Amino acid sequence: MCILIDESRRMMPTFNATPELHKIQNDMCRAGSWIDNMPVGTIVETVPQYSVKKLVEDALPEYRRLAAKLIDRFIDEFEAQGGRRTEIAEKFERMYKWKQ
């Protein structure tokens, strides 16, 4: 989210992240935290075990969905605060692939 804020402020110095954006970011962090689901005492090997790979794979879809939602809401909020939607959308499109 820091990069999104930095890029938004480069184009519009008065841009401020809203509580909704922070909530999406927090939800995204929780969704991507697969390590919390590992059994206590698990040692991750250099080549991760199947169980560890499965935890990561299970976390990714929700994490990616929330990341896409965060970028979309950043664009909406940038526009709502007076910025040009196309300008920030083009910038983020050069940096990220969040649409399918």
PDB file of N, CA and C in Angstrom:
ATOM      1  N   MET A   1       0.825  -1.182   0.000  1.00  0.00           N
ATOM      2  CA  MET A   1       0.000   0.000   0.000  1.00  0.00           C
ATOM      3  C   MET A   1       0.873   1.252   0.000  1.00  0.00           C
ATOM      4  N   CYS A   2       2.061   1.177   0.581  1.00  0.00           N
ATOM      5  CA  CYS A   2       2.949   2.344   0.621  1.00  0.00           C
ATOM      6  C   CYS A   2       3.282   2.822  -0.789  1.00  0.00           C
ATOM      7  N   ILE A   3       3.521   1.880  -1.694  1.00  0.00           N
ATOM      8  CA  ILE A   3       3.847   2.262  -3.069  1.00  0.00           C
ATOM      9  C   ILE A   3       2.653   2.946  -3.718  1.00  0.00           C
ATOM     10  N   LEU A   4       1.451   2.439  -3.467  1.00  0.00           N
ATOM     11  CA  LEU A   4       0.253   3.054  -4.036  1.00  0.00           C
ATOM     12  C   LEU A   4       0.089   4.485  -3.513  1.00  0.00           C
ATOM     13  N   ILE A   5       0.326   4.669  -2.230  1.00  0.00           N
ATOM     14  CA  ILE A   5       0.229   6.011  -1.648  1.00  0.00           C
ATOM     15  C   ILE A   5       1.303   6.921  -2.241  1.00  0.00           C
ATOM     16  N   ASP A   6       2.546   6.438  -2.297  1.00  0.00           N
ATOM     17  CA  ASP A   6       3.640   7.248  -2.840  1.00  0.00           C
ATOM     18  C   ASP A   6       3.355   7.685  -4.271  1.00  0.00           C
ATOM     19  N   GLU A   7       2.914   6.756  -5.103  1.00  0.00           N
ATOM     20  CA  GLU A   7       2.640   7.080  -6.503  1.00  0.00           C
ATOM     21  C   GLU A   7       1.458   8.043  -6.620  1.00  0.00           C
ATOM     22  N   SER A   8       0.457   7.846  -5.791  1.00  0.00           N
ATOM     23  CA  SER A   8      -0.705   8.738  -5.802  1.00  0.00           C
ATOM     24  C   SER A   8      -0.292  10.145  -5.384  1.00  0.00           C
ATOM     25  N   ARG A   9       0.563  10.239  -4.380  1.00  0.00           N
ATOM     26  CA  ARG A   9       0.998  11.564  -3.896  1.00  0.00           C
ATOM     27  C   ARG A   9       1.971  12.236  -4.856  1.00  0.00           C
ATOM     28  N   ARG A  10       2.664  11.473  -5.669  1.00  0.00           N
ATOM     29  CA  ARG A  10       3.523  12.099  -6.683  1.00  0.00           C
ATOM     30  C   ARG A  10       2.668  12.884  -7.668  1.00  0.00           C
ATOM     31  N   MET A  11       1.486  12.345  -7.959  1.00  0.00           N
ATOM     32  CA  MET A  11       0.588  12.998  -8.909  1.00  0.00           C
ATOM     33  C   MET A  11      -0.323  14.017  -8.230  1.00  0.00           C
ATOM     34  N   MET A  12      -0.637  13.769  -6.967  1.00  0.00           N
ATOM     35  CA  MET A  12      -1.522  14.660  -6.229  1.00  0.00           C
ATOM     36  C   MET A  12      -1.040  14.691  -4.775  1.00  0.00           C
ATOM     37  N   PRO A  13      -0.201  15.663  -4.426  1.00  0.00           N
ATOM     38  CA  PRO A  13       0.408  15.711  -3.090  1.00  0.00           C
ATOM     39  C   PRO A  13      -0.591  15.705  -1.928  1.00  0.00           C
ATOM     40  N   THR A  14      -1.821  16.113  -2.171  1.00  0.00           N
ATOM     41  CA  THR A  14      -2.809  16.168  -1.093  1.00  0.00           C
ATOM     42  C   THR A  14      -3.553  14.852  -0.895  1.00  0.00           C
ATOM     43  N   PHE A  15      -3.205  13.803  -1.665  1.00  0.00           N
ATOM     44  CA  PHE A  15      -3.917  12.525  -1.558  1.00  0.00           C
ATOM     45  C   PHE A  15      -3.718  11.923  -0.173  1.00  0.00           C
ATOM     46  N   ASN A  16      -4.808  11.414   0.392  1.00  0.00           N
ATOM     47  CA  ASN A  16      -4.758  10.726   1.677  1.00  0.00           C
ATOM     48  C   ASN A  16      -5.489   9.400   1.588  1.00  0.00           C
ATOM     49  N   ALA A  17      -4.882   8.370   2.132  1.00  0.00           N
ATOM     50  CA  ALA A  17      -5.533   7.063   2.188  1.00  0.00           C
ATOM     51  C   ALA A  17      -6.669   7.124   3.206  1.00  0.00           C
ATOM     52  N   THR A  18      -7.775   6.509   2.863  1.00  0.00           N
ATOM     53  CA  THR A  18      -8.960   6.532   3.724  1.00  0.00           C
ATOM     54  C   THR A  18      -8.964   5.327   4.667  1.00  0.00           C
ATOM     55  N   PRO A  19      -9.801   5.365   5.694  1.00  0.00           N
ATOM     56  CA  PRO A  19      -9.929   4.192   6.566  1.00  0.00           C
ATOM     57  C   PRO A  19     -10.323   2.927   5.797  1.00  0.00           C
ATOM     58  N   GLU A  20     -11.142   3.072   4.756  1.00  0.00           N
ATOM     59  CA  GLU A  20     -11.530   1.902   3.960  1.00  0.00           C
ATOM     60  C   GLU A  20     -10.316   1.271   3.289  1.00  0.00           C
ATOM     61  N   LEU A  21      -9.417   2.090   2.758  1.00  0.00           N
ATOM     62  CA  LEU A  21      -8.212   1.560   2.122  1.00  0.00           C
ATOM     63  C   LEU A  21      -7.339   0.834   3.142  1.00  0.00           C
ATOM     64  N   HIS A  22      -7.235   1.395   4.331  1.00  0.00           N
ATOM     65  CA  HIS A  22      -6.451   0.735   5.383  1.00  0.00           C
ATOM     66  C   HIS A  22      -7.094  -0.594   5.790  1.00  0.00           C
ATOM     67  N   LYS A  23      -8.427  -0.646   5.832  1.00  0.00           N
ATOM     68  CA  LYS A  23      -9.116  -1.891   6.186  1.00  0.00           C
ATOM     69  C   LYS A  23      -8.860  -2.967   5.131  1.00  0.00           C
ATOM     70  N   ILE A  24      -8.942  -2.592   3.852  1.00  0.00           N
ATOM     71  CA  ILE A  24      -8.669  -3.564   2.789  1.00  0.00           C
ATOM     72  C   ILE A  24      -7.236  -4.081   2.919  1.00  0.00           C
ATOM     73  N   GLN A  25      -6.300  -3.187   3.191  1.00  0.00           N
ATOM     74  CA  GLN A  25      -4.903  -3.575   3.365  1.00  0.00           C
ATOM     75  C   GLN A  25      -4.758  -4.551   4.531  1.00  0.00           C
ATOM     76  N   ASN A  26      -5.413  -4.269   5.650  1.00  0.00           N
ATOM     77  CA  ASN A  26      -5.334  -5.164   6.810  1.00  0.00           C
ATOM     78  C   ASN A  26      -5.941  -6.525   6.488  1.00  0.00           C
ATOM     79  N   ASP A  27      -7.080  -6.529   5.795  1.00  0.00           N
ATOM     80  CA  ASP A  27      -7.706  -7.790   5.392  1.00  0.00           C
ATOM     81  C   ASP A  27      -6.785  -8.580   4.471  1.00  0.00           C
ATOM     82  N   MET A  28      -6.121  -7.857   3.581  1.00  0.00           N
ATOM     83  CA  MET A  28      -5.189  -8.478   2.642  1.00  0.00           C
ATOM     84  C   MET A  28      -4.024  -9.137   3.399  1.00  0.00           C
ATOM     85  N   CYS A  29      -3.501  -8.459   4.394  1.00  0.00           N
ATOM     86  CA  CYS A  29      -2.401  -9.021   5.191  1.00  0.00           C
ATOM     87  C   CYS A  29      -2.843 -10.284   5.917  1.00  0.00           C
ATOM     88  N   ARG A  30      -4.049 -10.251   6.488  1.00  0.00           N
ATOM     89  CA  ARG A  30      -4.558 -11.449   7.181  1.00  0.00           C
ATOM     90  C   ARG A  30      -4.752 -12.600   6.198  1.00  0.00           C
ATOM     91  N   ALA A  31      -5.286 -12.304   5.030  1.00  0.00           N
ATOM     92  CA  ALA A  31      -5.543 -13.351   4.030  1.00  0.00           C
ATOM     93  C   ALA A  31      -4.236 -13.989   3.550  1.00  0.00           C
ATOM     94  N   GLY A  32      -3.185 -13.194   3.449  1.00  0.00           N
ATOM     95  CA  GLY A  32      -1.912 -13.695   2.941  1.00  0.00           C
ATOM     96  C   GLY A  32      -1.027 -14.332   4.000  1.00  0.00           C
ATOM     97  N   SER A  33      -1.472 -14.315   5.233  1.00  0.00           N
ATOM     98  CA  SER A  33      -0.655 -14.845   6.326  1.00  0.00           C
ATOM     99  C   SER A  33      -0.894 -16.341   6.506  1.00  0.00           C
ATOM    100  N   TRP A  34      -0.370 -17.114   5.593  1.00  0.00           N
ATOM    101  CA  TRP A  34      -0.530 -18.566   5.627  1.00  0.00           C
ATOM    102  C   TRP A  34       0.250 -19.205   6.768  1.00  0.00           C
ATOM    103  N   ILE A  35       1.299 -18.547   7.213  1.00  0.00           N
ATOM    104  CA  ILE A  35       2.166 -19.127   8.244  1.00  0.00           C
ATOM    105  C   ILE A  35       1.417 -19.330   9.562  1.00  0.00           C
ATOM    106  N   ASP A  36       0.376 -18.516   9.794  1.00  0.00           N
ATOM    107  CA  ASP A  36      -0.419 -18.669  11.015  1.00  0.00           C
ATOM    108  C   ASP A  36      -1.139 -20.019  11.060  1.00  0.00           C
ATOM    109  N   ASN A  37      -1.331 -20.638   9.900  1.00  0.00           N
ATOM    110  CA  ASN A  37      -2.042 -21.913   9.822  1.00  0.00           C
ATOM    111  C   ASN A  37      -1.116 -23.137   9.897  1.00  0.00           C
ATOM    112  N   MET A  38       0.168 -22.891  10.001  1.00  0.00           N
ATOM    113  CA  MET A  38       1.118 -24.017  10.106  1.00  0.00           C
ATOM    114  C   MET A  38       1.071 -24.598  11.508  1.00  0.00           C
ATOM    115  N   PRO A  39       1.130 -25.916  11.605  1.00  0.00           N
ATOM    116  CA  PRO A  39       1.193 -26.524  12.946  1.00  0.00           C
ATOM    117  C   PRO A  39       2.466 -26.072  13.672  1.00  0.00           C
ATOM    118  N   VAL A  40       2.334 -25.875  14.958  1.00  0.00           N
ATOM    119  CA  VAL A  40       3.469 -25.459  15.780  1.00  0.00           C
ATOM    120  C   VAL A  40       4.575 -26.511  15.662  1.00  0.00           C
ATOM    121  N   GLY A  41       5.796 -26.038  15.518  1.00  0.00           N
ATOM    122  CA  GLY A  41       6.933 -26.939  15.437  1.00  0.00           C
ATOM    123  C   GLY A  41       7.287 -27.382  14.026  1.00  0.00           C
ATOM    124  N   THR A  42       6.520 -26.926  13.034  1.00  0.00           N
ATOM    125  CA  THR A  42       6.813 -27.293  11.648  1.00  0.00           C
ATOM    126  C   THR A  42       8.093 -26.609  11.207  1.00  0.00           C
ATOM    127  N   ILE A  43       8.976 -27.369  10.611  1.00  0.00           N
ATOM    128  CA  ILE A  43      10.199 -26.816  10.049  1.00  0.00           C
ATOM    129  C   ILE A  43      10.042 -26.828   8.540  1.00  0.00           C
ATOM    130  N   VAL A  44      10.128 -25.652   7.939  1.00  0.00           N
ATOM    131  CA  VAL A  44       9.998 -25.552   6.486  1.00  0.00           C
ATOM    132  C   VAL A  44      11.352 -25.864   5.875  1.00  0.00           C
ATOM    133  N   GLU A  45      11.358 -26.854   5.035  1.00  0.00           N
ATOM    134  CA  GLU A  45      12.601 -27.288   4.406  1.00  0.00           C
ATOM    135  C   GLU A  45      12.959 -26.368   3.241  1.00  0.00           C
ATOM    136  N   THR A  46      14.193 -26.505   2.747  1.00  0.00           N
ATOM    137  CA  THR A  46      14.644 -25.698   1.612  1.00  0.00           C
ATOM    138  C   THR A  46      13.691 -25.839   0.435  1.00  0.00           C
ATOM    139  N   VAL A  47      13.328 -27.051   0.133  1.00  0.00           N
ATOM    140  CA  VAL A  47      12.274 -27.308  -0.847  1.00  0.00           C
ATOM    141  C   VAL A  47      11.038 -27.589   0.004  1.00  0.00           C
ATOM    142  N   PRO A  48      10.092 -26.619   0.075  1.00  0.00           N
ATOM    143  CA  PRO A  48       8.960 -26.751   0.995  1.00  0.00           C
ATOM    144  C   PRO A  48       8.156 -28.038   0.796  1.00  0.00           C
ATOM    145  N   GLN A  49       7.696 -28.577   1.903  1.00  0.00           N
ATOM    146  CA  GLN A  49       6.875 -29.763   1.895  1.00  0.00           C
ATOM    147  C   GLN A  49       5.537 -29.455   1.212  1.00  0.00           C
ATOM    148  N   TYR A  50       4.863 -30.517   0.785  1.00  0.00           N
ATOM    149  CA  TYR A  50       3.562 -30.369   0.132  1.00  0.00           C
ATOM    150  C   TYR A  50       2.585 -29.593   1.022  1.00  0.00           C
ATOM    151  N   SER A  51       2.571 -29.881   2.310  1.00  0.00           N
ATOM    152  CA  SER A  51       1.625 -29.227   3.223  1.00  0.00           C
ATOM    153  C   SER A  51       1.858 -27.719   3.274  1.00  0.00           C
ATOM    154  N   VAL A  52       3.101 -27.306   3.213  1.00  0.00           N
ATOM    155  CA  VAL A  52       3.430 -25.877   3.231  1.00  0.00           C
ATOM    156  C   VAL A  52       3.022 -25.238   1.901  1.00  0.00           C
ATOM    157  N   LYS A  53       3.326 -25.906   0.803  1.00  0.00           N
ATOM    158  CA  LYS A  53       2.922 -25.394  -0.515  1.00  0.00           C
ATOM    159  C   LYS A  53       1.412 -25.236  -0.589  1.00  0.00           C
ATOM    160  N   LYS A  54       0.687 -26.187  -0.015  1.00  0.00           N
ATOM    161  CA  LYS A  54      -0.777 -26.147  -0.025  1.00  0.00           C
ATOM    162  C   LYS A  54      -1.290 -24.944   0.755  1.00  0.00           C
ATOM    163  N   LEU A  55      -0.693 -24.651   1.895  1.00  0.00           N
ATOM    164  CA  LEU A  55      -1.094 -23.483   2.682  1.00  0.00           C
ATOM    165  C   LEU A  55      -0.917 -22.194   1.879  1.00  0.00           C
ATOM    166  N   VAL A  56       0.205 -22.085   1.192  1.00  0.00           N
ATOM    167  CA  VAL A  56       0.474 -20.898   0.375  1.00  0.00           C
ATOM    168  C   VAL A  56      -0.542 -20.804  -0.766  1.00  0.00           C
ATOM    169  N   GLU A  57      -0.743 -21.908  -1.463  1.00  0.00           N
ATOM    170  CA  GLU A  57      -1.682 -21.917  -2.588  1.00  0.00           C
ATOM    171  C   GLU A  57      -3.102 -21.591  -2.150  1.00  0.00           C
ATOM    172  N   ASP A  58      -3.486 -22.041  -0.976  1.00  0.00           N
ATOM    173  CA  ASP A  58      -4.831 -21.760  -0.467  1.00  0.00           C
ATOM    174  C   ASP A  58      -5.014 -20.288  -0.102  1.00  0.00           C
ATOM    175  N   ALA A  59      -3.936 -19.639   0.315  1.00  0.00           N
ATOM    176  CA  ALA A  59      -4.011 -18.232   0.721  1.00  0.00           C
ATOM    177  C   ALA A  59      -4.004 -17.274  -0.473  1.00  0.00           C
ATOM    178  N   LEU A  60      -3.379 -17.670  -1.556  1.00  0.00           N
ATOM    179  CA  LEU A  60      -3.179 -16.743  -2.675  1.00  0.00           C
ATOM    180  C   LEU A  60      -4.448 -16.205  -3.334  1.00  0.00           C
ATOM    181  N   PRO A  61      -5.475 -17.008  -3.615  1.00  0.00           N
ATOM    182  CA  PRO A  61      -6.645 -16.451  -4.303  1.00  0.00           C
ATOM    183  C   PRO A  61      -7.302 -15.280  -3.563  1.00  0.00           C
ATOM    184  N   GLU A  62      -7.500 -15.423  -2.262  1.00  0.00           N
ATOM    185  CA  GLU A  62      -8.127 -14.341  -1.494  1.00  0.00           C
ATOM    186  C   GLU A  62      -7.186 -13.140  -1.395  1.00  0.00           C
ATOM    187  N   TYR A  63      -5.905 -13.397  -1.222  1.00  0.00           N
ATOM    188  CA  TYR A  63      -4.928 -12.316  -1.166  1.00  0.00           C
ATOM    189  C   TYR A  63      -4.939 -11.516  -2.470  1.00  0.00           C
ATOM    190  N   ARG A  64      -4.938 -12.218  -3.583  1.00  0.00           N
ATOM    191  CA  ARG A  64      -4.946 -11.543  -4.889  1.00  0.00           C
ATOM    192  C   ARG A  64      -6.248 -10.789  -5.128  1.00  0.00           C
ATOM    193  N   ARG A  65      -7.381 -11.361  -4.694  1.00  0.00           N
ATOM    194  CA  ARG A  65      -8.669 -10.689  -4.852  1.00  0.00           C
ATOM    195  C   ARG A  65      -8.665  -9.370  -4.079  1.00  0.00           C
ATOM    196  N   LEU A  66      -8.163  -9.418  -2.855  1.00  0.00           N
ATOM    197  CA  LEU A  66      -8.114  -8.201  -2.046  1.00  0.00           C
ATOM    198  C   LEU A  66      -7.105  -7.190  -2.589  1.00  0.00           C
ATOM    199  N   ALA A  67      -6.001  -7.658  -3.144  1.00  0.00           N
ATOM    200  CA  ALA A  67      -5.018  -6.746  -3.749  1.00  0.00           C
ATOM    201  C   ALA A  67      -5.647  -6.010  -4.931  1.00  0.00           C
ATOM    202  N   ALA A  68      -6.407  -6.731  -5.750  1.00  0.00           N
ATOM    203  CA  ALA A  68      -7.087  -6.103  -6.886  1.00  0.00           C
ATOM    204  C   ALA A  68      -8.118  -5.099  -6.390  1.00  0.00           C
ATOM    205  N   LYS A  69      -8.839  -5.462  -5.345  1.00  0.00           N
ATOM    206  CA  LYS A  69      -9.840  -4.553  -4.777  1.00  0.00           C
ATOM    207  C   LYS A  69      -9.157  -3.295  -4.245  1.00  0.00           C
ATOM    208  N   LEU A  70      -8.005  -3.447  -3.612  1.00  0.00           N
ATOM    209  CA  LEU A  70      -7.271  -2.307  -3.068  1.00  0.00           C
ATOM    210  C   LEU A  70      -6.855  -1.353  -4.184  1.00  0.00           C
ATOM    211  N   ILE A  71      -6.330  -1.869  -5.262  1.00  0.00           N
ATOM    212  CA  ILE A  71      -5.912  -1.014  -6.380  1.00  0.00           C
ATOM    213  C   ILE A  71      -7.125  -0.308  -6.988  1.00  0.00           C
ATOM    214  N   ASP A  72      -8.211  -1.042  -7.199  1.00  0.00           N
ATOM    215  CA  ASP A  72      -9.420  -0.425  -7.750  1.00  0.00           C
ATOM    216  C   ASP A  72      -9.944   0.686  -6.844  1.00  0.00           C
ATOM    217  N   ARG A  73      -9.953   0.446  -5.540  1.00  0.00           N
ATOM    218  CA  ARG A  73     -10.439   1.467  -4.603  1.00  0.00           C
ATOM    219  C   ARG A  73      -9.481   2.657  -4.541  1.00  0.00           C
ATOM    220  N   PHE A  74      -8.179   2.416  -4.699  1.00  0.00           N
ATOM    221  CA  PHE A  74      -7.224   3.523  -4.745  1.00  0.00           C
ATOM    222  C   PHE A  74      -7.545   4.432  -5.933  1.00  0.00           C
ATOM    223  N   ILE A  75      -7.824   3.829  -7.067  1.00  0.00           N
ATOM    224  CA  ILE A  75      -8.162   4.612  -8.266  1.00  0.00           C
ATOM    225  C   ILE A  75      -9.435   5.420  -8.014  1.00  0.00           C
ATOM    226  N   ASP A  76     -10.448   4.770  -7.446  1.00  0.00           N
ATOM    227  CA  ASP A  76     -11.700   5.471  -7.136  1.00  0.00           C
ATOM    228  C   ASP A  76     -11.465   6.618  -6.167  1.00  0.00           C
ATOM    229  N   GLU A  77     -10.681   6.370  -5.142  1.00  0.00           N
ATOM    230  CA  GLU A  77     -10.426   7.395  -4.124  1.00  0.00           C
ATOM    231  C   GLU A  77      -9.582   8.536  -4.678  1.00  0.00           C
ATOM    232  N   PHE A  78      -8.634   8.210  -5.531  1.00  0.00           N
ATOM    233  CA  PHE A  78      -7.810   9.237  -6.170  1.00  0.00           C
ATOM    234  C   PHE A  78      -8.706  10.197  -6.947  1.00  0.00           C
ATOM    235  N   GLU A  79      -9.643   9.624  -7.699  1.00  0.00           N
ATOM    236  CA  GLU A  79     -10.583  10.446  -8.474  1.00  0.00           C
ATOM    237  C   GLU A  79     -11.494  11.250  -7.537  1.00  0.00           C
ATOM    238  N   ALA A  80     -11.991  10.627  -6.482  1.00  0.00           N
ATOM    239  CA  ALA A  80     -12.885  11.300  -5.541  1.00  0.00           C
ATOM    240  C   ALA A  80     -12.206  12.485  -4.852  1.00  0.00           C
ATOM    241  N   GLN A  81     -10.877  12.402  -4.707  1.00  0.00           N
ATOM    242  CA  GLN A  81     -10.140  13.490  -4.059  1.00  0.00           C
ATOM    243  C   GLN A  81      -9.656  14.541  -5.053  1.00  0.00           C
ATOM    244  N   GLY A  82     -10.112  14.421  -6.306  1.00  0.00           N
ATOM    245  CA  GLY A  82      -9.805  15.459  -7.289  1.00  0.00           C
ATOM    246  C   GLY A  82      -8.763  15.099  -8.326  1.00  0.00           C
ATOM    247  N   GLY A  83      -8.243  13.879  -8.284  1.00  0.00           N
ATOM    248  CA  GLY A  83      -7.235  13.462  -9.259  1.00  0.00           C
ATOM    249  C   GLY A  83      -7.871  12.963 -10.549  1.00  0.00           C
ATOM    250  N   ARG A  84      -7.035  12.843 -11.568  1.00  0.00           N
ATOM    251  CA  ARG A  84      -7.514  12.336 -12.856  1.00  0.00           C
ATOM    252  C   ARG A  84      -7.437  10.811 -12.864  1.00  0.00           C
ATOM    253  N   ARG A  85      -8.597  10.185 -13.022  1.00  0.00           N
ATOM    254  CA  ARG A  85      -8.703   8.727 -12.971  1.00  0.00           C
ATOM    255  C   ARG A  85      -7.784   8.054 -13.993  1.00  0.00           C
ATOM    256  N   THR A  86      -7.784   8.545 -15.220  1.00  0.00           N
ATOM    257  CA  THR A  86      -6.981   7.900 -16.260  1.00  0.00           C
ATOM    258  C   THR A  86      -5.490   7.984 -15.944  1.00  0.00           C
ATOM    259  N   GLU A  87      -5.072   9.078 -15.363  1.00  0.00           N
ATOM    260  CA  GLU A  87      -3.657   9.258 -15.040  1.00  0.00           C
ATOM    261  C   GLU A  87      -3.179   8.203 -14.037  1.00  0.00           C
ATOM    262  N   ILE A  88      -3.925   8.029 -12.944  1.00  0.00           N
ATOM    263  CA  ILE A  88      -3.493   7.057 -11.930  1.00  0.00           C
ATOM    264  C   ILE A  88      -3.715   5.629 -12.412  1.00  0.00           C
ATOM    265  N   ALA A  89      -4.788   5.401 -13.161  1.00  0.00           N
ATOM    266  CA  ALA A  89      -5.059   4.047 -13.664  1.00  0.00           C
ATOM    267  C   ALA A  89      -3.943   3.607 -14.611  1.00  0.00           C
ATOM    268  N   GLU A  90      -3.518   4.490 -15.495  1.00  0.00           N
ATOM    269  CA  GLU A  90      -2.432   4.153 -16.422  1.00  0.00           C
ATOM    270  C   GLU A  90      -1.132   3.886 -15.666  1.00  0.00           C
ATOM    271  N   LYS A  91      -0.872   4.664 -14.630  1.00  0.00           N
ATOM    272  CA  LYS A  91       0.338   4.470 -13.822  1.00  0.00           C
ATOM    273  C   LYS A  91       0.319   3.089 -13.158  1.00  0.00           C
ATOM    274  N   PHE A  92      -0.805   2.756 -12.518  1.00  0.00           N
ATOM    275  CA  PHE A  92      -0.900   1.463 -11.847  1.00  0.00           C
ATOM    276  C   PHE A  92      -0.879   0.315 -12.855  1.00  0.00           C
ATOM    277  N   GLU A  93      -1.457   0.506 -14.033  1.00  0.00           N
ATOM    278  CA  GLU A  93      -1.452  -0.545 -15.060  1.00  0.00           C
ATOM    279  C   GLU A  93      -0.039  -0.847 -15.544  1.00  0.00           C
ATOM    280  N   ARG A  94       0.828   0.159 -15.515  1.00  0.00           N
ATOM    281  CA  ARG A  94       2.235  -0.080 -15.884  1.00  0.00           C
ATOM    282  C   ARG A  94       2.970  -0.841 -14.776  1.00  0.00           C
ATOM    283  N   MET A  95       2.491  -0.706 -13.549  1.00  0.00           N
ATOM    284  CA  MET A  95       3.167  -1.316 -12.401  1.00  0.00           C
ATOM    285  C   MET A  95       2.622  -2.699 -12.034  1.00  0.00           C
ATOM    286  N   TYR A  96       1.317  -2.908 -12.222  1.00  0.00           N
ATOM    287  CA  TYR A  96       0.661  -4.112 -11.720  1.00  0.00           C
ATOM    288  C   TYR A  96      -0.271  -4.713 -12.762  1.00  0.00           C
ATOM    289  N   LYS A  97      -0.511  -5.997 -12.617  1.00  0.00           N
ATOM    290  CA  LYS A  97      -1.522  -6.685 -13.408  1.00  0.00           C
ATOM    291  C   LYS A  97      -2.548  -7.228 -12.416  1.00  0.00           C
ATOM    292  N   TRP A  98      -3.662  -6.549 -12.298  1.00  0.00           N
ATOM    293  CA  TRP A  98      -4.664  -6.964 -11.330  1.00  0.00           C
ATOM    294  C   TRP A  98      -6.002  -7.289 -11.955  1.00  0.00           C
ATOM    295  N   LYS A  99      -6.115  -7.053 -13.260  1.00  0.00           N
ATOM    296  CA  LYS A  99      -7.357  -7.367 -13.951  1.00  0.00           C
ATOM    297  C   LYS A  99      -7.119  -8.551 -14.868  1.00  0.00           C
ATOM    298  N   GLN A 100      -8.164  -9.366 -15.036  1.00  0.00           N
ATOM    299  CA  GLN A 100      -7.990 -10.538 -15.892  1.00  0.00           C
ATOM    300  C   GLN A 100      -8.786 -10.403 -17.145  1.00  0.00           C
TER     301      GLN A 100
END
